[in-house]
N, C-alpha and C. Protein backbone atom coordinates (compact mmCIF):
# COMPACT_ATOMS: atom_id res chain seq x y z
N MET A 1 4.99 -9.15 -19.79
CA MET A 1 4.35 -8.55 -18.82
C MET A 1 5.61 -7.48 -18.15
N LYS A 2 4.63 -6.30 -17.54
CA LYS A 2 5.42 -5.40 -17.16
C LYS A 2 5.72 -5.58 -16.00
N CYS A 3 6.55 -4.68 -15.24
CA CYS A 3 7.55 -4.86 -14.11
C CYS A 3 6.55 -4.48 -13.57
N TRP A 4 7.04 -4.32 -11.74
CA TRP A 4 6.30 -3.65 -11.15
C TRP A 4 6.83 -2.27 -10.90
N ASN A 5 7.70 -1.42 -11.16
CA ASN A 5 7.43 0.29 -11.32
C ASN A 5 7.30 0.34 -12.32
N GLU A 6 6.24 0.02 -13.75
CA GLU A 6 5.63 0.30 -15.27
C GLU A 6 4.50 0.39 -14.10
N ARG A 7 4.20 -0.75 -13.38
CA ARG A 7 2.94 -0.88 -13.09
C ARG A 7 2.41 0.80 -12.01
N LEU A 8 3.19 0.32 -11.48
CA LEU A 8 3.34 1.47 -10.11
C LEU A 8 3.37 2.72 -10.46
N ASN A 9 3.81 3.10 -11.90
CA ASN A 9 4.05 3.91 -12.50
C ASN A 9 2.97 4.50 -13.83
N ALA A 10 1.96 3.50 -14.31
CA ALA A 10 1.17 3.60 -15.27
C ALA A 10 0.10 4.99 -15.35
N PRO A 11 -0.20 5.26 -16.19
CA PRO A 11 -0.77 6.89 -16.12
C PRO A 11 -2.12 6.48 -15.49
N GLY A 12 -2.57 7.53 -15.22
CA GLY A 12 -4.29 7.64 -14.73
C GLY A 12 -3.98 8.14 -13.26
N VAL A 13 -5.79 8.21 -13.01
CA VAL A 13 -5.97 9.38 -11.44
C VAL A 13 -6.96 8.44 -10.56
N GLY A 14 -6.68 8.55 -9.47
CA GLY A 14 -7.68 7.86 -8.60
C GLY A 14 -8.55 8.67 -8.95
N VAL A 15 -9.99 7.97 -8.53
CA VAL A 15 -11.19 8.50 -8.41
C VAL A 15 -12.19 7.91 -7.47
N VAL A 16 -12.95 8.62 -7.38
CA VAL A 16 -14.02 8.06 -6.09
C VAL A 16 -15.60 8.63 -6.80
N LYS A 17 -16.32 7.40 -6.55
CA LYS A 17 -17.07 7.11 -6.99
C LYS A 17 -17.59 6.05 -5.85
N PRO A 18 -19.34 5.84 -6.41
CA PRO A 18 -20.27 5.20 -5.25
C PRO A 18 -19.72 3.37 -5.14
N THR A 19 -19.79 3.11 -4.42
CA THR A 19 -19.53 1.73 -3.84
C THR A 19 -20.61 1.11 -4.38
N PRO A 20 -20.55 -0.16 -5.23
CA PRO A 20 -21.16 -0.68 -6.43
C PRO A 20 -21.93 -1.60 -5.24
N ARG A 21 -21.52 -2.29 -4.31
CA ARG A 21 -22.22 -3.42 -2.73
C ARG A 21 -21.80 -3.08 -2.04
N THR A 22 -22.36 -3.53 -0.55
CA THR A 22 -21.49 -3.52 0.67
C THR A 22 -21.02 -5.20 0.65
N VAL A 23 -19.99 -4.84 1.10
CA VAL A 23 -18.44 -5.62 1.22
C VAL A 23 -18.13 -5.76 2.49
N GLY A 24 -17.47 -6.08 3.60
CA GLY A 24 -17.04 -6.02 4.86
C GLY A 24 -17.68 -4.89 5.61
N ASP A 25 -16.84 -3.43 5.65
CA ASP A 25 -16.97 -2.53 6.22
C ASP A 25 -17.15 -1.34 4.79
N VAL A 26 -17.31 -1.67 3.91
CA VAL A 26 -17.68 -0.58 2.78
C VAL A 26 -19.52 -0.98 2.32
N VAL A 27 -20.31 -0.08 2.83
CA VAL A 27 -21.27 0.07 2.86
C VAL A 27 -21.82 0.82 1.12
N GLU A 28 -22.33 -0.24 0.17
CA GLU A 28 -23.63 0.28 -0.94
C GLU A 28 -23.79 1.44 -0.83
N GLY A 29 -23.27 2.17 -1.78
CA GLY A 29 -23.82 3.99 -1.92
C GLY A 29 -22.82 4.58 -1.00
N GLN A 30 -21.89 4.56 -0.99
CA GLN A 30 -20.68 5.11 0.39
C GLN A 30 -19.79 5.70 -1.03
N PRO A 31 -19.24 6.89 -0.73
CA PRO A 31 -18.36 7.25 -1.83
C PRO A 31 -16.89 6.82 -1.59
N MET A 32 -16.58 5.82 -2.54
CA MET A 32 -15.02 5.42 -2.17
C MET A 32 -14.21 5.83 -3.35
N LEU A 33 -13.52 5.49 -2.94
CA LEU A 33 -12.04 6.02 -3.61
C LEU A 33 -11.47 4.72 -4.18
N VAL A 34 -10.80 4.91 -5.25
CA VAL A 34 -10.20 3.81 -6.29
C VAL A 34 -8.64 4.26 -5.93
N PRO A 35 -8.48 4.08 -5.77
CA PRO A 35 -6.47 4.41 -5.68
C PRO A 35 -6.01 4.11 -7.25
N THR A 36 -4.83 4.98 -6.88
CA THR A 36 -4.21 4.73 -8.21
C THR A 36 -2.52 4.01 -7.45
N ALA A 37 -2.15 3.02 -7.62
CA ALA A 37 -1.37 2.77 -6.98
C ALA A 37 0.21 3.59 -6.69
N ARG A 38 -0.01 4.84 -7.20
CA ARG A 38 0.98 5.86 -7.35
C ARG A 38 0.78 6.74 -5.80
N GLN A 39 -0.74 7.20 -6.20
CA GLN A 39 -1.32 7.57 -5.14
C GLN A 39 -0.79 6.96 -3.11
N VAL A 40 -0.80 5.36 -3.22
CA VAL A 40 -0.32 4.42 -2.34
C VAL A 40 0.96 4.62 -1.66
N ASP A 41 1.58 4.72 -2.49
CA ASP A 41 3.01 4.68 -3.02
C ASP A 41 3.25 6.24 -2.31
N ASP A 42 2.41 7.32 -3.09
CA ASP A 42 3.42 8.38 -2.51
C ASP A 42 2.79 8.55 -1.12
N PHE A 43 1.45 8.06 -0.23
CA PHE A 43 1.29 8.34 0.84
C PHE A 43 1.57 7.55 1.87
N ILE A 44 2.40 6.21 1.59
CA ILE A 44 3.43 5.19 2.61
C ILE A 44 4.36 6.04 2.83
N ARG A 45 5.10 6.99 2.00
CA ARG A 45 6.23 7.53 1.75
C ARG A 45 5.99 8.20 3.24
N THR A 46 4.95 8.97 3.41
CA THR A 46 4.39 10.21 4.50
C THR A 46 4.63 9.60 5.81
N ILE A 47 4.47 8.02 6.04
CA ILE A 47 4.77 7.18 7.16
C ILE A 47 6.30 7.69 7.75
N PRO A 48 6.42 8.09 9.08
CA PRO A 48 7.65 8.15 9.81
C PRO A 48 8.09 7.17 9.76
N GLU A 49 9.34 7.30 9.76
CA GLU A 49 10.28 5.88 10.68
C GLU A 49 10.12 5.72 12.12
N GLY A 50 9.64 4.55 12.46
CA GLY A 50 9.46 4.18 13.28
C GLY A 50 7.82 3.80 14.03
N PHE A 51 7.50 3.83 12.87
CA PHE A 51 5.57 4.52 12.84
C PHE A 51 5.03 3.44 11.47
N ASP A 52 3.85 2.68 12.51
CA ASP A 52 3.23 2.20 11.29
C ASP A 52 1.86 2.53 11.38
N MET A 53 1.34 1.63 10.64
CA MET A 53 0.19 2.08 10.32
C MET A 53 -0.63 1.15 9.72
N ASP A 54 -1.54 0.44 10.04
CA ASP A 54 -2.44 -0.77 9.49
C ASP A 54 -3.43 -0.32 8.27
N VAL A 55 -3.78 -1.41 6.93
CA VAL A 55 -4.29 -1.24 6.38
C VAL A 55 -5.21 -0.50 6.46
N ARG A 56 -6.05 -1.12 7.75
CA ARG A 56 -7.82 0.11 7.50
C ARG A 56 -7.27 1.40 8.27
N ALA A 57 -6.00 1.61 8.26
CA ALA A 57 -6.13 3.04 9.11
C ALA A 57 -5.66 3.54 7.43
N LEU A 58 -4.91 3.06 6.67
CA LEU A 58 -4.41 3.66 5.19
C LEU A 58 -5.49 3.91 4.60
N ARG A 59 -6.01 2.58 4.33
CA ARG A 59 -7.79 2.98 3.83
C ARG A 59 -8.17 4.51 3.90
N THR A 60 -8.50 4.68 5.26
CA THR A 60 -9.40 5.78 5.89
C THR A 60 -9.08 6.82 5.76
N ALA A 61 -7.47 7.14 5.69
CA ALA A 61 -6.83 8.10 5.78
C ALA A 61 -6.63 8.51 4.18
N LEU A 62 -6.11 7.60 3.02
CA LEU A 62 -6.53 7.96 1.86
C LEU A 62 -7.77 8.31 1.08
N ALA A 63 -9.19 7.39 1.71
CA ALA A 63 -10.33 7.77 1.65
C ALA A 63 -10.75 9.20 1.93
N VAL A 64 -10.37 9.76 2.93
CA VAL A 64 -10.16 10.71 3.50
C VAL A 64 -9.74 12.58 2.74
N GLY A 65 -8.61 12.14 2.73
CA GLY A 65 -7.41 12.85 2.10
C GLY A 65 -7.89 13.23 0.43
N ASN A 66 -8.78 12.25 0.41
CA ASN A 66 -9.42 12.65 -1.46
C ASN A 66 -10.72 12.77 -1.58
N GLY A 67 -11.54 13.21 -0.37
CA GLY A 67 -13.10 13.36 -0.40
C GLY A 67 -14.04 12.27 -0.34
N ALA A 68 -13.48 11.03 0.09
CA ALA A 68 -14.31 9.60 0.18
C ALA A 68 -14.44 9.54 1.23
N GLU A 69 -15.39 8.39 1.53
CA GLU A 69 -15.65 8.24 3.13
C GLU A 69 -14.98 6.33 3.23
N VAL A 70 -14.53 5.90 2.25
CA VAL A 70 -13.84 4.66 2.09
C VAL A 70 -13.11 4.53 1.03
N THR A 71 -11.95 3.51 1.48
CA THR A 71 -11.09 3.32 0.05
C THR A 71 -11.28 1.72 -0.22
N CYS A 72 -11.07 1.71 -1.77
CA CYS A 72 -11.59 -0.21 -1.94
C CYS A 72 -10.74 -0.85 -1.70
N PRO A 73 -11.22 -1.67 -0.90
CA PRO A 73 -9.89 -2.92 -0.27
C PRO A 73 -9.63 -3.69 -0.97
N VAL A 74 -10.48 -4.15 -2.69
CA VAL A 74 -9.83 -4.69 -3.37
C VAL A 74 -8.80 -4.10 -4.15
N THR A 75 -8.82 -2.82 -4.48
CA THR A 75 -7.63 -2.31 -5.09
C THR A 75 -6.44 -2.14 -4.47
N ILE A 76 -6.60 -1.56 -2.63
CA ILE A 76 -5.73 -1.70 -1.70
C ILE A 76 -4.83 -2.30 -2.26
N GLY A 77 -5.29 -3.89 -1.76
CA GLY A 77 -4.53 -5.32 -1.63
C GLY A 77 -3.92 -5.19 -3.15
N TYR A 78 -3.99 -5.18 -4.11
CA TYR A 78 -3.33 -5.34 -5.59
C TYR A 78 -2.03 -3.79 -5.27
N HIS A 79 -2.55 -2.70 -4.81
CA HIS A 79 -1.36 -1.74 -5.31
C HIS A 79 -0.52 -2.13 -3.76
N LEU A 80 -0.50 -2.47 -2.86
CA LEU A 80 0.37 -2.68 -1.59
C LEU A 80 1.30 -3.59 -2.14
N ARG A 81 0.70 -4.33 -2.78
CA ARG A 81 1.71 -5.46 -3.47
C ARG A 81 2.52 -4.64 -4.76
N THR A 82 1.85 -4.10 -5.08
CA THR A 82 2.54 -3.74 -6.38
C THR A 82 3.58 -2.66 -5.75
N VAL A 83 3.19 -1.41 -4.83
CA VAL A 83 4.00 -0.60 -3.96
C VAL A 83 5.37 -1.31 -3.98
N ALA A 84 5.53 -2.42 -2.67
CA ALA A 84 6.42 -3.40 -2.68
C ALA A 84 7.14 -3.83 -3.35
N GLU A 85 6.61 -4.65 -4.09
CA GLU A 85 7.32 -5.29 -5.44
C GLU A 85 8.64 -4.20 -6.39
N ALA A 86 7.85 -2.91 -6.49
CA ALA A 86 8.65 -2.05 -7.05
C ALA A 86 9.56 -1.70 -6.24
N ALA A 87 9.37 -1.66 -5.11
CA ALA A 87 10.68 -1.50 -3.85
C ALA A 87 11.49 -1.48 -3.95
N ASN A 88 11.18 -3.35 -4.09
CA ASN A 88 11.95 -4.54 -4.08
C ASN A 88 12.91 -4.57 -5.37
N GLU A 89 12.22 -3.92 -6.91
CA GLU A 89 12.90 -3.75 -7.73
C GLU A 89 14.05 -3.16 -7.69
N ASP A 90 13.48 -1.75 -7.08
CA ASP A 90 14.39 -0.55 -6.35
C ASP A 90 15.60 -1.02 -6.23
N LEU A 91 15.78 -1.64 -5.42
CA LEU A 91 16.72 -2.02 -3.74
C LEU A 91 17.22 -2.94 -5.10
N GLU A 92 17.27 -4.17 -5.88
CA GLU A 92 17.73 -4.76 -6.53
C GLU A 92 18.78 -4.32 -7.68
N ARG A 93 18.41 -2.98 -7.98
CA ARG A 93 18.58 -1.98 -8.43
C ARG A 93 19.93 -1.15 -8.02
N GLY A 94 20.15 -1.74 -6.74
CA GLY A 94 20.69 -0.63 -6.13
C GLY A 94 20.58 0.38 -5.65
N ILE A 95 18.80 0.87 -5.83
CA ILE A 95 18.09 2.43 -5.30
C ILE A 95 18.52 2.70 -3.83
N ALA A 96 19.13 3.10 -2.90
CA ALA A 96 19.21 2.91 -1.33
C ALA A 96 17.86 3.09 -0.47
N LEU A 97 17.79 2.16 0.05
CA LEU A 97 16.68 1.92 1.03
C LEU A 97 15.86 3.25 1.27
N THR A 98 16.68 4.37 1.75
CA THR A 98 15.83 5.22 2.42
C THR A 98 14.95 6.42 0.74
N ASN A 99 15.14 5.61 -0.35
CA ASN A 99 14.63 6.47 -1.58
C ASN A 99 13.58 5.34 -1.95
N VAL A 100 12.96 4.38 -1.26
CA VAL A 100 12.02 3.70 -1.76
C VAL A 100 10.67 4.01 -0.57
N ALA A 101 9.34 3.63 -1.03
CA ALA A 101 8.72 3.47 -0.06
C ALA A 101 8.74 2.75 0.94
N PRO A 102 8.31 3.05 1.99
CA PRO A 102 8.73 1.66 3.51
C PRO A 102 7.44 1.54 3.47
N PHE A 103 7.43 0.31 2.64
CA PHE A 103 6.19 -0.56 2.49
C PHE A 103 6.23 -1.07 4.18
N TRP A 104 7.00 -1.45 4.87
CA TRP A 104 7.20 -2.53 5.59
C TRP A 104 5.79 -1.33 7.13
N ARG A 105 6.18 -0.28 6.94
CA ARG A 105 5.43 0.75 7.75
C ARG A 105 3.79 0.16 7.90
N VAL A 106 3.45 -0.64 6.93
CA VAL A 106 2.16 -1.06 6.51
C VAL A 106 1.83 -2.06 6.71
N LEU A 107 2.93 -3.32 6.18
CA LEU A 107 2.59 -4.69 5.85
C LEU A 107 3.28 -5.62 6.91
N ASP A 108 2.88 -6.61 7.47
CA ASP A 108 3.94 -7.10 9.14
C ASP A 108 3.04 -8.44 8.63
N ALA A 109 3.34 -9.01 9.27
CA ALA A 109 3.29 -10.72 9.29
C ALA A 109 2.14 -11.28 8.99
N ASN A 110 0.34 -10.37 9.82
CA ASN A 110 -0.29 -10.89 9.66
C ASN A 110 -1.54 -10.23 8.36
N THR A 111 -0.76 -9.21 7.61
CA THR A 111 -1.09 -9.02 5.96
C THR A 111 -1.52 -9.89 5.25
N PRO A 112 -2.29 -9.88 4.91
CA PRO A 112 -2.29 -11.11 3.78
C PRO A 112 -1.47 -10.61 2.60
N THR A 113 -1.00 -10.04 1.71
CA THR A 113 0.21 -9.37 1.39
C THR A 113 0.90 -10.00 1.46
N THR A 114 1.55 -9.67 2.60
CA THR A 114 3.55 -9.95 3.00
C THR A 114 3.30 -11.52 2.20
N SER A 115 2.46 -11.89 2.23
CA SER A 115 2.20 -13.81 2.55
C SER A 115 3.09 -13.97 0.79
N LYS A 116 2.20 -12.97 0.05
CA LYS A 116 2.59 -13.19 -1.22
C LYS A 116 3.38 -12.55 -2.26
N LEU A 117 4.34 -11.55 -1.49
CA LEU A 117 5.76 -10.95 -2.13
C LEU A 117 6.92 -11.42 -2.71
N SER A 118 7.55 -12.10 -3.95
CA SER A 118 7.99 -12.28 -4.56
C SER A 118 9.19 -12.74 -3.51
N PHE A 119 9.81 -12.11 -2.97
CA PHE A 119 11.05 -11.94 -2.31
C PHE A 119 10.61 -12.40 -0.93
N GLY A 120 9.57 -12.97 -0.34
CA GLY A 120 8.96 -13.57 0.78
C GLY A 120 9.31 -12.45 2.04
N PRO A 121 8.51 -12.87 3.16
CA PRO A 121 8.33 -11.77 4.37
C PRO A 121 8.98 -11.50 4.81
N GLU A 122 10.29 -12.37 4.99
CA GLU A 122 11.52 -12.06 6.08
C GLU A 122 12.01 -10.60 6.34
N PHE A 123 12.12 -9.96 4.41
CA PHE A 123 12.38 -8.55 4.71
C PHE A 123 11.55 -7.54 5.54
N VAL A 124 10.35 -8.02 5.81
CA VAL A 124 9.44 -7.12 5.94
C VAL A 124 9.79 -7.19 7.06
N ALA A 125 9.62 -8.68 8.00
CA ALA A 125 9.98 -8.35 9.17
C ALA A 125 11.39 -7.70 9.72
N GLU A 126 12.77 -8.11 8.93
CA GLU A 126 13.49 -7.49 9.02
C GLU A 126 13.63 -6.14 9.72
N ARG A 127 12.71 -5.26 8.61
CA ARG A 127 12.66 -3.62 8.72
C ARG A 127 12.21 -3.66 10.02
N ARG A 128 10.95 -4.30 10.09
CA ARG A 128 10.15 -3.95 10.75
C ARG A 128 10.62 -3.75 12.55
N LYS A 129 11.85 -5.17 12.59
CA LYS A 129 12.71 -5.00 13.94
C LYS A 129 13.30 -3.81 14.34
N HIS A 130 13.75 -3.55 12.71
CA HIS A 130 14.71 -2.79 12.68
C HIS A 130 14.30 -1.59 13.05
N GLU A 131 13.28 -0.99 12.37
CA GLU A 131 12.81 0.35 12.91
C GLU A 131 11.85 0.39 14.44
N GLY A 132 12.03 -1.10 15.44
CA GLY A 132 10.85 -1.02 16.50
C GLY A 132 9.25 -1.30 16.35
N LEU A 133 9.27 -1.87 15.27
CA LEU A 133 7.87 -2.27 15.23
C LEU A 133 7.29 -3.69 15.51
N LYS A 134 6.17 -4.25 15.74
CA LYS A 134 6.02 -5.80 15.92
C LYS A 134 5.72 -6.13 14.69
N PRO A 135 6.49 -7.28 14.40
CA PRO A 135 6.33 -8.42 13.47
C PRO A 135 5.33 -8.62 13.12
């Protein structure tokens, strides 16, 4: 099984394709970005310290920045976990906190991905508190 950093850095490019069906806020036929984990990681790194962005806003910003109307909600969930777990692997290897993607600026106590993290939600809560963000 690949480690999280291998998943994060897997080769590939994000693609824009028509949405196959209507689900939630995604309407069939809309141009939809299916991003790579690296694209999600790179975008999260642009969020300044002390600011946060919910998943819906992240999806919208990624879509617009890549010529689409929406971003795949399923893929973004997978990639948010990949970004967070890869950052945790890096921290465990001694990489400085300032050199990992600040995923806690997107994940919070109410984001479903947070409860799935192998290292638990406490780290996310601690980092958000440190930056003055709502839990």
